[in-house]
Amino acid sequence: MMTTLARSLAILLALSATSARLHAQFGPQEPQGHGPKLAAPTSFPAPGTFPTTESVTLLAEPGATTHYTWDGSAPTSKSPVYDPLQVLFIAGIYEGNHGLKAGYTLRAVAMKEGNTNSDVATFQYTIDRRDRNTYVSEEILPGVRMTRDSDNDKMFLVQGRDKNVLIDSGLGRGELKAYLAQYEGGKPLEVIFTHNHGDHIGQADQFATDSVEHIGEADRPGLERLLKQRNIPDAVIAQHVVSAHDGDKVDMGDRSLVIYDAPGHTKGSIVIFDEKNGYLFTGDSYGSNSPTIPDALWMQGSQTPVDTYLSMIVTSRPKFAGKVKYLMTGHNDHPLTGEKYLDNLQTAIQQLMDKGDGALVPSYRPAGLQQVVVGDRLNDPDWVAVNVNHDHYLPAPADDIAGLVGITVTGATLSPQFDPNVKEYTASAPAGAKTVHVTIAPTSTRSSALTANGKDILAAKTIDVPAKGTVVIEVKSPNGSKSASYTVAFGGAAATAKPAKASR
């Protein structure tokens, strides 16, 4: 018979063995330092269930190195090191069109010389992917229903008194038209595509026969190709696909949607503004800023310098400035409030012009690219990131940039539309005006000189000129080595549009 002492010793030995096994499985497996113990790493987003492929950011104390594992084992100093400039992706999985549920166990420990290792943190994530042929939707604003496909692409059904408008059609494989019919109240439907990428026009064929489909003129060929591939007859395409132009309106009875050109992400990208309610639908034209993926404005495919994109922002924003209450992008889960995001976007592009490569950091997605970032994606709902094509994003080295991104004449419109590469313009002054007010936006805020008709306007960036006169604008690069000249002739004075010289 085992004595009480023997039983106690056996229990202690068993507990010790169990503790050793638990430490081997769940605790750091190397000698500990003698300094202060590090806090355990945390993760962003917090553990939980997500509908599509997601990414995880690990956060640790400054100066600490984070080691992690995916197999449930305790991370050690030999485990992979987390790169704080990147994210860890957890994938959604399909079996054919059927979405599967996948679980992920991420474990992490923080280490730093002179400190005691942190406790091991464990983060459980689940990706519960929807079937490819299913949709979910919700009314996110009065008269605006956001629908998501299985890839979480966003479509917006805007409901009007006399007709409804669908903005983009996602990439799903289900019966989107039939799904949306339950919310349309039997009213006619028109479709507006923000651009021609597959995750925005992917189900356009379902609406082509019965609905008018609007798309920016430069992106129309891409939409036509998709419709032809889906066996939509040429006659139907010719009748129902309409090229959208800046200023076009779709009247819905109690509200109207105004289309504005916003080239950059694609040549034919547009944005749509609900004037009455202050809702701006932007697709990918201004990018998206989902913090967890994380998302960005994708400009890496463009071979056009981004001063042209900055010019588009500078010249188009006044059309709805101060009127935007909510902004809906193609990939954000929720509307963005107000215009702070657009302010940050403009700041980001301006930083590229002002700092060049000095503004760039590694891109989270896709890895290997570079981007400019404004704001903290972990805490700022209006943060912005823009991916760039490093070989083409600048019109010249940052110190050599001499150009403008905007000329605005109060009460008048330039002809042709402003373009940094066009140097000469005409404009008709308002009837009865003796002078016209001209506002100038240099490409670089570091420009060393800016004059109008010989007058220094570097600080003011504005000038009043005779209504039947001509204004000649001269701008110099930050280092003073390059210059460019722009001319605006008023009251019928002739000016011929010419492309900028290569030395710009």
Protein backbone atom coordinates (compact mmCIF):
# COMPACT_ATOMS: atom_id res chain seq x y z
CA MET A 1 0.00 0.00 0.00
CA MET A 2 1.33 3.46 -1.00
CA THR A 3 1.97 5.71 1.96
CA THR A 4 0.56 9.25 2.10
CA LEU A 5 4.06 10.62 1.49
CA ALA A 6 4.55 8.35 -1.51
CA ARG A 7 1.19 9.37 -2.95
CA SER A 8 2.03 13.04 -2.47
CA LEU A 9 5.39 12.55 -4.17
CA ALA A 10 3.74 10.75 -7.09
CA ILE A 11 1.23 13.57 -7.49
CA LEU A 12 4.02 16.16 -7.42
CA LEU A 13 5.99 14.22 -10.04
CA ALA A 14 2.90 13.93 -12.22
CA LEU A 15 2.16 17.65 -11.91
CA SER A 16 5.79 18.44 -12.71
CA ALA A 17 5.70 16.27 -15.82
CA THR A 18 2.43 17.87 -16.91
CA SER A 19 3.89 21.33 -16.34
CA ALA A 20 6.95 20.42 -18.40
CA ARG A 21 4.74 19.19 -21.25
CA LEU A 22 2.61 22.33 -21.13
CA HIS A 23 5.70 24.54 -21.07
CA ALA A 24 7.14 22.66 -24.03
CA GLN A 25 3.89 23.07 -25.92
CA PHE A 26 2.84 26.56 -24.91
CA GLY A 27 5.84 28.45 -23.55
CA PRO A 28 9.13 29.77 -24.96
CA GLN A 29 11.71 27.02 -25.15
CA GLU A 30 14.94 28.96 -24.53
CA PRO A 31 16.61 30.55 -21.53
CA GLN A 32 14.95 33.69 -20.26
CA GLY A 33 16.64 37.05 -19.71
CA HIS A 34 16.70 38.72 -16.34
CA GLY A 35 15.34 42.12 -17.36
CA PRO A 36 11.72 43.30 -17.36
CA LYS A 37 9.27 40.89 -18.93
CA LEU A 38 7.97 41.96 -22.33
CA ALA A 39 4.28 42.36 -22.94
CA ALA A 40 2.74 39.65 -25.11
CA PRO A 41 2.18 40.59 -28.77
CA THR A 42 -1.25 41.73 -29.87
CA SER A 43 -2.90 41.39 -33.26
CA PHE A 44 -4.89 43.54 -35.69
CA PRO A 45 -7.66 42.84 -36.42
CA ALA A 46 -8.70 41.09 -33.23
CA PRO A 47 -9.32 37.35 -33.55
CA GLY A 48 -12.71 36.46 -34.96
CA THR A 49 -14.61 35.22 -38.02
CA PHE A 50 -14.28 36.91 -41.42
CA PRO A 51 -16.04 36.27 -44.75
CA THR A 52 -13.05 36.54 -47.11
CA THR A 53 -9.27 36.30 -47.22
CA GLU A 54 -7.93 38.50 -44.46
CA SER A 55 -4.57 39.71 -43.19
CA VAL A 56 -3.13 40.00 -39.71
CA THR A 57 -0.69 42.54 -38.28
CA LEU A 58 1.31 41.61 -35.17
CA LEU A 59 2.20 44.37 -32.72
CA ALA A 60 4.87 44.24 -30.02
CA GLU A 61 6.83 46.57 -27.76
CA PRO A 62 9.30 48.91 -29.53
CA GLY A 63 12.59 47.18 -30.30
CA ALA A 64 11.21 43.70 -29.69
CA THR A 65 11.40 40.91 -32.25
CA THR A 66 8.24 38.87 -32.77
CA HIS A 67 8.46 35.18 -33.60
CA TYR A 68 5.36 33.31 -34.72
CA THR A 69 3.99 29.92 -35.78
CA TRP A 70 0.88 28.68 -37.59
CA ASP A 71 0.97 25.01 -36.55
CA GLY A 72 -0.14 25.40 -32.94
CA SER A 73 3.37 24.94 -31.52
CA ALA A 74 5.01 27.48 -29.25
CA PRO A 75 7.18 29.96 -31.16
CA THR A 76 10.88 30.03 -30.29
CA SER A 77 13.85 32.09 -31.38
CA LYS A 78 14.13 29.72 -34.34
CA SER A 79 10.55 30.39 -35.50
CA PRO A 80 9.89 32.83 -38.35
CA VAL A 81 10.42 36.51 -37.52
CA TYR A 82 7.49 38.81 -38.18
CA ASP A 83 8.29 41.70 -40.55
CA PRO A 84 6.41 44.79 -39.28
CA LEU A 85 6.41 46.19 -42.83
CA GLN A 86 4.28 43.30 -44.05
CA VAL A 87 1.11 41.44 -43.07
CA LEU A 88 0.25 37.76 -42.63
CA PHE A 89 -2.50 36.54 -44.94
CA ILE A 90 -5.12 33.97 -43.99
CA ALA A 91 -6.94 32.62 -47.01
CA GLY A 92 -10.56 31.90 -47.73
CA ILE A 93 -11.04 28.52 -49.41
CA TYR A 94 -13.48 27.25 -52.03
CA GLU A 95 -14.41 23.78 -53.13
CA GLY A 96 -15.71 24.55 -56.59
CA ASN A 97 -18.31 27.25 -55.96
CA HIS A 98 -18.85 26.14 -52.39
CA GLY A 99 -17.26 28.30 -49.72
CA LEU A 100 -15.52 26.43 -46.89
CA LYS A 101 -14.82 27.33 -43.29
CA ALA A 102 -11.11 27.41 -42.44
CA GLY A 103 -9.59 27.89 -38.99
CA TYR A 104 -6.16 29.38 -38.29
CA THR A 105 -4.16 29.38 -35.05
CA LEU A 106 -1.50 32.07 -34.94
CA ARG A 107 0.88 32.08 -31.96
CA ALA A 108 3.47 34.74 -31.23
CA VAL A 109 6.11 35.66 -28.65
CA ALA A 110 8.11 38.87 -28.22
CA MET A 111 11.87 38.71 -27.54
CA LYS A 112 14.48 41.38 -26.87
CA GLU A 113 18.01 41.12 -25.59
CA GLY A 114 18.16 41.97 -21.91
CA ASN A 115 14.45 41.36 -21.37
CA THR A 116 12.48 38.36 -20.26
CA ASN A 117 10.52 36.85 -23.14
CA SER A 118 6.82 37.66 -23.23
CA ASP A 119 4.13 35.11 -22.66
CA VAL A 120 3.04 33.32 -25.81
CA ALA A 121 -0.07 34.92 -27.32
CA THR A 122 -2.56 32.78 -29.21
CA PHE A 123 -4.91 34.19 -31.86
CA GLN A 124 -7.73 32.14 -33.38
CA TYR A 125 -9.12 33.23 -36.78
CA THR A 126 -11.83 31.70 -38.93
CA ILE A 127 -12.51 32.45 -42.59
CA ASP A 128 -16.10 31.43 -43.33
CA ARG A 129 -16.31 31.91 -47.07
CA ARG A 130 -19.69 32.37 -48.69
CA ASP A 131 -20.62 30.34 -51.76
CA ARG A 132 -19.66 32.05 -55.00
CA ASN A 133 -23.29 32.25 -56.13
CA THR A 134 -24.64 33.94 -52.99
CA TYR A 135 -25.07 37.58 -51.96
CA VAL A 136 -25.72 39.51 -48.79
CA SER A 137 -26.95 43.09 -48.57
CA GLU A 138 -28.00 45.83 -46.21
CA GLU A 139 -29.34 49.36 -46.44
CA ILE A 140 -26.33 51.41 -45.37
CA LEU A 141 -27.88 54.84 -46.03
CA PRO A 142 -31.45 55.91 -46.82
CA GLY A 143 -32.18 54.65 -50.33
CA VAL A 144 -28.78 52.96 -50.73
CA ARG A 145 -28.45 49.17 -50.46
CA MET A 146 -24.91 47.78 -50.42
CA THR A 147 -24.67 44.24 -51.80
CA ARG A 148 -21.59 42.04 -51.42
CA ASP A 149 -20.60 39.02 -53.46
CA SER A 150 -18.54 36.12 -52.13
CA ASP A 151 -15.30 38.07 -52.65
CA ASN A 152 -16.72 41.00 -50.67
CA ASP A 153 -16.86 43.23 -53.76
CA LYS A 154 -19.33 46.05 -53.27
CA MET A 155 -22.36 46.94 -55.42
CA PHE A 156 -24.76 49.77 -54.60
CA LEU A 157 -28.45 49.80 -55.47
CA VAL A 158 -29.59 53.42 -55.34
CA GLN A 159 -33.37 53.57 -55.07
CA GLY A 160 -35.26 56.48 -56.65
CA ARG A 161 -38.88 57.45 -57.06
CA ASP A 162 -39.03 56.69 -60.78
CA LYS A 163 -36.11 54.33 -61.32
CA ASN A 164 -33.27 52.54 -59.56
CA VAL A 165 -29.58 52.65 -60.40
CA LEU A 166 -27.08 49.87 -59.76
CA ILE A 167 -23.49 51.06 -59.34
CA ASP A 168 -21.10 48.22 -60.32
CA SER A 169 -21.93 44.52 -60.49
CA GLY A 170 -19.14 42.69 -58.69
CA LEU A 171 -17.50 39.41 -59.60
CA GLY A 172 -19.90 36.82 -58.20
CA ARG A 173 -21.28 33.83 -60.06
CA GLY A 174 -24.88 33.90 -58.91
CA GLU A 175 -28.12 35.41 -60.19
CA LEU A 176 -27.46 38.97 -59.13
CA LYS A 177 -30.27 40.40 -61.22
CA ALA A 178 -32.82 38.09 -59.61
CA TYR A 179 -31.41 38.78 -56.14
CA LEU A 180 -31.72 42.56 -56.54
CA ALA A 181 -35.22 42.38 -58.02
CA GLN A 182 -36.69 41.88 -54.53
CA TYR A 183 -35.51 45.39 -53.60
CA GLU A 184 -36.41 47.23 -56.82
CA GLY A 185 -40.16 47.61 -56.37
CA GLY A 186 -40.76 46.84 -60.05
CA LYS A 187 -39.10 50.10 -61.17
CA PRO A 188 -36.81 50.39 -64.22
CA LEU A 189 -33.12 49.82 -63.57
CA GLU A 190 -30.07 51.49 -65.07
CA VAL A 191 -26.47 50.46 -64.37
CA ILE A 192 -23.38 52.64 -63.97
CA PHE A 193 -19.93 51.06 -63.93
CA THR A 194 -17.18 53.03 -62.21
CA HIS A 195 -14.56 51.33 -64.42
CA ASN A 196 -13.99 48.20 -66.48
CA HIS A 197 -12.13 45.87 -64.10
CA GLY A 198 -13.64 42.41 -63.70
CA ASP A 199 -14.60 42.84 -60.04
CA HIS A 200 -16.80 45.79 -61.06
CA ILE A 201 -18.33 44.64 -64.38
CA GLY A 202 -18.23 40.89 -63.75
CA GLN A 203 -22.01 40.39 -63.98
CA ALA A 204 -22.80 43.08 -66.54
CA ASP A 205 -24.25 40.51 -68.95
CA GLN A 206 -27.22 39.92 -66.63
CA PHE A 207 -28.43 43.49 -67.15
CA ALA A 208 -27.34 44.27 -70.72
CA THR A 209 -30.55 43.19 -72.44
CA ASP A 210 -33.05 45.07 -70.25
CA SER A 211 -31.07 47.99 -68.81
CA VAL A 212 -29.01 50.92 -70.00
CA GLU A 213 -25.38 50.46 -68.91
CA HIS A 214 -23.19 53.55 -68.49
CA ILE A 215 -19.38 53.42 -68.45
CA GLY A 216 -16.59 55.93 -69.02
CA GLU A 217 -15.84 56.20 -72.71
CA ALA A 218 -12.21 55.08 -72.42
CA ASP A 219 -13.29 51.96 -70.50
CA ARG A 220 -16.14 51.04 -72.84
CA PRO A 221 -14.06 48.59 -74.95
CA GLY A 222 -13.36 46.46 -71.87
CA LEU A 223 -17.07 46.22 -71.05
CA GLU A 224 -17.92 45.38 -74.66
CA ARG A 225 -15.34 42.58 -74.70
CA LEU A 226 -16.86 41.02 -71.59
CA LEU A 227 -20.39 41.23 -72.98
CA LYS A 228 -19.31 39.64 -76.27
CA GLN A 229 -17.61 36.83 -74.34
CA ARG A 230 -20.93 36.24 -72.55
CA ASN A 231 -22.73 36.00 -75.92
CA ILE A 232 -24.54 39.30 -75.71
CA PRO A 233 -25.43 40.28 -79.34
CA ASP A 234 -23.66 43.26 -80.91
CA ALA A 235 -27.01 44.94 -81.55
CA VAL A 236 -27.88 44.77 -77.84
CA ILE A 237 -24.49 46.18 -76.88
CA ALA A 238 -24.85 49.04 -79.35
CA GLN A 239 -28.33 49.87 -78.05
CA HIS A 240 -27.83 49.48 -74.30
CA VAL A 241 -24.20 50.43 -73.56
CA VAL A 242 -23.75 54.20 -73.24
CA SER A 243 -20.45 56.08 -72.95
CA ALA A 244 -20.49 58.29 -69.85
CA HIS A 245 -18.97 61.77 -69.93
CA ASP A 246 -18.13 64.39 -67.36
CA GLY A 247 -21.31 66.13 -66.20
CA ASP A 248 -23.79 63.50 -67.45
CA LYS A 249 -26.83 63.07 -65.20
CA VAL A 250 -29.14 60.14 -64.53
CA ASP A 251 -32.50 61.49 -63.33
CA MET A 252 -34.27 59.21 -60.87
CA GLY A 253 -37.25 61.47 -60.15
CA ASP A 254 -36.52 62.51 -56.58
CA ARG A 255 -32.73 62.45 -56.90
CA SER A 256 -30.21 62.63 -59.71
CA LEU A 257 -26.78 61.09 -60.08
CA VAL A 258 -24.04 63.20 -61.68
CA ILE A 259 -21.09 61.49 -63.36
CA TYR A 260 -17.62 63.02 -63.15
CA ASP A 261 -14.50 61.85 -64.95
CA ALA A 262 -11.78 60.56 -62.59
CA PRO A 263 -9.11 58.89 -64.77
CA GLY A 264 -6.09 57.33 -63.08
CA HIS A 265 -6.90 53.87 -61.78
CA THR A 266 -8.11 53.26 -65.34
CA LYS A 267 -8.32 55.73 -68.21
CA GLY A 268 -12.12 55.73 -68.08
CA SER A 269 -12.68 55.72 -64.31
CA ILE A 270 -15.60 57.83 -63.09
CA VAL A 271 -17.24 58.80 -59.82
CA ILE A 272 -20.97 59.28 -59.26
CA PHE A 273 -22.42 61.99 -57.03
CA ASP A 274 -25.90 61.98 -55.51
CA GLU A 275 -26.37 65.76 -55.37
CA LYS A 276 -29.44 65.82 -53.16
CA ASN A 277 -28.09 63.57 -50.43
CA GLY A 278 -24.35 64.19 -50.62
CA TYR A 279 -23.42 60.60 -51.42
CA LEU A 280 -20.28 60.06 -53.53
CA PHE A 281 -19.74 56.62 -55.13
CA THR A 282 -16.13 56.21 -56.21
CA GLY A 283 -15.45 52.57 -57.11
CA ASP A 284 -11.66 52.35 -57.21
CA SER A 285 -11.17 55.83 -58.71
CA TYR A 286 -9.94 57.23 -55.39
CA GLY A 287 -8.84 53.89 -53.99
CA SER A 288 -10.12 52.12 -50.90
CA ASN A 289 -8.66 52.11 -47.41
CA SER A 290 -9.85 48.92 -45.77
CA PRO A 291 -7.37 48.69 -42.88
CA THR A 292 -7.10 44.93 -42.51
CA ILE A 293 -6.48 43.69 -46.07
CA PRO A 294 -4.92 46.39 -46.23
CA ASP A 295 -6.18 48.26 -49.28
CA ALA A 296 -4.78 51.10 -51.40
CA LEU A 297 -5.30 53.08 -54.58
CA TRP A 298 -3.72 50.84 -57.20
CA MET A 299 -1.71 53.00 -59.61
CA GLN A 300 1.15 50.55 -60.10
CA GLY A 301 -0.06 49.59 -63.56
CA SER A 302 -0.03 53.15 -64.90
CA GLN A 303 2.80 54.45 -67.04
CA THR A 304 1.46 58.00 -66.77
CA PRO A 305 3.11 60.26 -64.18
CA VAL A 306 0.77 60.92 -61.26
CA ASP A 307 0.88 64.70 -61.71
CA THR A 308 -1.93 64.04 -64.19
CA TYR A 309 -3.90 62.26 -61.47
CA LEU A 310 -3.21 65.07 -59.02
CA SER A 311 -4.47 67.51 -61.64
CA MET A 312 -7.70 65.50 -61.92
CA ILE A 313 -8.19 65.77 -58.15
CA VAL A 314 -7.39 69.49 -58.06
CA THR A 315 -9.77 70.31 -60.93
CA SER A 316 -12.62 67.92 -60.11
CA ARG A 317 -12.97 68.26 -56.35
CA PRO A 318 -14.42 71.79 -56.50
CA LYS A 319 -17.43 70.31 -58.30
CA PHE A 320 -18.60 68.68 -55.05
CA ALA A 321 -16.35 70.28 -52.42
CA GLY A 322 -18.11 70.77 -49.09
CA LYS A 323 -21.10 68.74 -50.26
CA VAL A 324 -19.96 65.15 -49.63
CA LYS A 325 -21.57 63.64 -46.56
CA TYR A 326 -20.65 60.02 -47.24
CA LEU A 327 -18.20 58.35 -49.62
CA MET A 328 -18.69 54.75 -50.81
CA THR A 329 -15.67 53.03 -52.35
CA GLY A 330 -15.60 49.71 -54.17
CA HIS A 331 -14.07 47.77 -51.29
CA ASN A 332 -14.72 49.47 -47.96
CA ASP A 333 -17.15 47.68 -45.67
CA HIS A 334 -18.66 50.95 -44.46
CA PRO A 335 -19.19 54.45 -45.88
CA LEU A 336 -16.50 56.99 -45.13
CA THR A 337 -17.79 60.20 -43.55
CA GLY A 338 -17.17 63.57 -45.14
CA GLU A 339 -14.17 64.57 -47.23
CA LYS A 340 -11.23 63.90 -44.89
CA TYR A 341 -10.29 60.82 -46.90
CA LEU A 342 -10.18 62.90 -50.09
CA ASP A 343 -8.07 65.52 -48.30
CA ASN A 344 -5.61 62.80 -47.29
CA LEU A 345 -5.59 61.37 -50.80
CA GLN A 346 -4.70 64.74 -52.27
CA THR A 347 -2.00 65.17 -49.61
CA ALA A 348 -0.53 61.76 -50.47
CA ILE A 349 -0.25 62.50 -54.19
CA GLN A 350 1.18 65.94 -53.42
CA GLN A 351 3.85 64.34 -51.25
CA LEU A 352 4.93 62.25 -54.23
CA MET A 353 5.43 65.42 -56.27
CA ASP A 354 7.23 67.21 -53.42
CA LYS A 355 9.42 64.41 -52.07
CA GLY A 356 9.68 61.81 -54.83
CA ASP A 357 11.19 58.57 -53.55
CA GLY A 358 11.51 60.15 -50.12
CA ALA A 359 7.75 59.73 -49.71
CA LEU A 360 7.72 56.00 -50.54
CA VAL A 361 7.52 53.01 -48.20
CA PRO A 362 7.07 49.29 -48.94
CA SER A 363 3.56 48.31 -49.99
CA TYR A 364 1.59 45.88 -47.89
CA ARG A 365 -0.22 44.55 -50.95
CA PRO A 366 1.06 43.46 -53.34
CA ALA A 367 4.40 42.90 -51.61
CA GLY A 368 7.42 44.17 -53.49
CA LEU A 369 5.81 47.44 -54.61
CA GLN A 370 6.14 50.88 -53.09
CA GLN A 371 3.49 53.29 -51.90
CA VAL A 372 2.91 56.60 -50.20
CA VAL A 373 0.89 56.57 -46.97
CA VAL A 374 -0.92 59.32 -45.08
CA GLY A 375 -2.43 58.46 -41.69
CA ASP A 376 -2.30 55.43 -39.41
CA ARG A 377 -4.30 52.53 -40.83
CA LEU A 378 -4.70 50.95 -37.39
CA ASN A 379 -6.40 53.98 -35.85
CA ASP A 380 -7.37 56.49 -38.54
CA PRO A 381 -10.55 55.68 -40.53
CA ASP A 382 -9.44 58.14 -43.22
CA TRP A 383 -5.89 56.85 -43.77
CA VAL A 384 -4.72 56.64 -47.39
CA ALA A 385 -2.21 54.52 -49.30
CA VAL A 386 -1.33 54.80 -53.00
CA ASN A 387 0.69 52.17 -54.85
CA VAL A 388 2.86 53.59 -57.64
CA ASN A 389 4.79 52.45 -60.67
CA HIS A 390 8.26 53.39 -59.50
CA ASP A 391 9.62 53.80 -63.02
CA HIS A 392 6.92 56.20 -64.20
CA TYR A 393 5.20 57.97 -61.29
CA LEU A 394 7.23 61.22 -61.49
CA PRO A 395 7.13 63.65 -64.44
CA ALA A 396 10.77 64.54 -63.60
CA PRO A 397 13.09 64.18 -60.61
CA ALA A 398 11.39 65.92 -57.68
CA ASP A 399 13.85 68.82 -57.62
CA ASP A 400 13.38 69.38 -61.38
CA ILE A 401 9.57 69.43 -61.50
CA ALA A 402 8.32 72.61 -63.18
CA GLY A 403 4.64 72.53 -64.04
CA LEU A 404 1.08 73.15 -62.98
CA VAL A 405 -1.70 70.80 -61.94
CA GLY A 406 -4.49 73.33 -62.15
CA ILE A 407 -5.62 76.65 -63.58
CA THR A 408 -9.07 77.76 -62.42
CA VAL A 409 -10.88 80.78 -63.79
CA THR A 410 -13.76 81.95 -61.60
CA GLY A 411 -17.00 81.83 -63.56
CA ALA A 412 -15.42 80.42 -66.71
CA THR A 413 -14.25 77.11 -68.15
CA LEU A 414 -10.91 76.50 -69.81
CA SER A 415 -10.74 75.09 -73.30
CA PRO A 416 -9.40 72.48 -73.60
CA GLN A 417 -9.86 70.90 -70.17
CA PHE A 418 -6.76 71.46 -68.09
CA ASP A 419 -3.95 68.94 -68.51
CA PRO A 420 -0.42 69.42 -67.14
CA ASN A 421 0.91 68.56 -70.60
CA VAL A 422 -1.10 71.25 -72.40
CA LYS A 423 0.36 74.74 -72.25
CA GLU A 424 -2.12 77.09 -73.99
CA TYR A 425 -5.83 77.68 -73.27
CA THR A 426 -8.74 79.96 -74.01
CA ALA A 427 -11.60 80.98 -71.74
CA SER A 428 -14.61 83.27 -72.04
CA ALA A 429 -15.09 85.71 -69.20
CA PRO A 430 -18.55 86.01 -67.58
CA ALA A 431 -20.83 88.55 -69.28
CA GLY A 432 -20.17 92.09 -68.09
CA ALA A 433 -17.00 91.18 -66.21
CA LYS A 434 -14.13 93.62 -66.42
CA THR A 435 -11.64 91.35 -64.70
CA VAL A 436 -11.39 87.62 -64.10
CA HIS A 437 -9.92 85.85 -61.09
CA VAL A 438 -7.38 83.13 -61.91
CA THR A 439 -6.13 80.56 -59.40
CA ILE A 440 -2.99 78.55 -60.12
CA ALA A 441 -1.84 75.26 -58.56
CA PRO A 442 1.87 74.40 -59.06
CA THR A 443 2.75 70.72 -59.38
CA SER A 444 5.33 71.02 -56.60
CA THR A 445 4.64 73.05 -53.48
CA ARG A 446 8.41 73.57 -53.42
CA SER A 447 8.40 75.52 -56.71
CA SER A 448 11.04 78.26 -56.47
CA ALA A 449 9.11 80.85 -58.49
CA LEU A 450 5.58 81.45 -59.77
CA THR A 451 4.65 84.55 -61.77
CA ALA A 452 1.64 85.72 -63.75
CA ASN A 453 2.27 88.43 -66.34
CA GLY A 454 5.56 89.03 -64.54
CA LYS A 455 3.97 89.50 -61.10
CA ASP A 456 5.20 87.31 -58.24
CA ILE A 457 2.28 85.17 -57.06
CA LEU A 458 4.23 82.35 -55.36
CA ALA A 459 2.51 83.05 -52.04
CA ALA A 460 -0.96 84.09 -53.26
CA LYS A 461 -1.21 81.73 -56.26
CA THR A 462 -4.00 83.96 -57.62
CA ILE A 463 -4.27 87.01 -59.85
CA ASP A 464 -6.99 89.24 -61.33
CA VAL A 465 -6.53 89.98 -65.05
CA PRO A 466 -8.52 91.99 -67.63
CA ALA A 467 -11.53 90.10 -68.95
CA LYS A 468 -10.27 90.43 -72.54
CA GLY A 469 -6.61 90.03 -71.80
CA THR A 470 -4.11 87.22 -71.65
CA VAL A 471 -2.33 85.79 -68.63
CA VAL A 472 1.08 84.17 -69.01
CA ILE A 473 2.05 81.95 -66.08
CA GLU A 474 5.67 81.00 -65.44
CA VAL A 475 6.71 78.37 -62.91
CA LYS A 476 10.18 77.22 -61.89
CA SER A 477 11.33 73.94 -60.39
CA PRO A 478 12.46 73.73 -56.73
CA ASN A 479 16.12 73.92 -57.76
CA GLY A 480 15.43 76.71 -60.26
CA SER A 481 16.97 74.80 -63.16
CA LYS A 482 13.72 74.08 -65.05
CA SER A 483 10.79 76.29 -66.01
CA ALA A 484 7.45 75.99 -67.76
CA SER A 485 5.06 78.54 -69.26
CA TYR A 486 1.25 78.38 -69.54
CA THR A 487 -1.01 80.87 -71.33
CA VAL A 488 -4.74 81.61 -70.98
CA ALA A 489 -6.35 83.98 -73.48
CA PHE A 490 -9.73 85.58 -72.62
CA GLY A 491 -12.45 87.25 -74.67
CA GLY A 492 -11.73 85.46 -77.93
CA ALA A 493 -7.97 85.98 -77.99
CA ALA A 494 -6.45 83.02 -79.78
CA ALA A 495 -4.46 80.30 -78.06
CA THR A 496 -3.69 76.90 -79.52
CA ALA A 497 -3.38 73.87 -77.24
CA LYS A 498 0.10 72.42 -77.38
CA PRO A 499 1.69 69.52 -75.51
CA ALA A 500 4.32 70.30 -72.94
CA LYS A 501 7.95 69.90 -73.89
CA ALA A 502 9.85 66.88 -72.72
CA SER A 503 12.01 69.04 -70.45
CA ARG A 504 9.04 69.69 -68.15
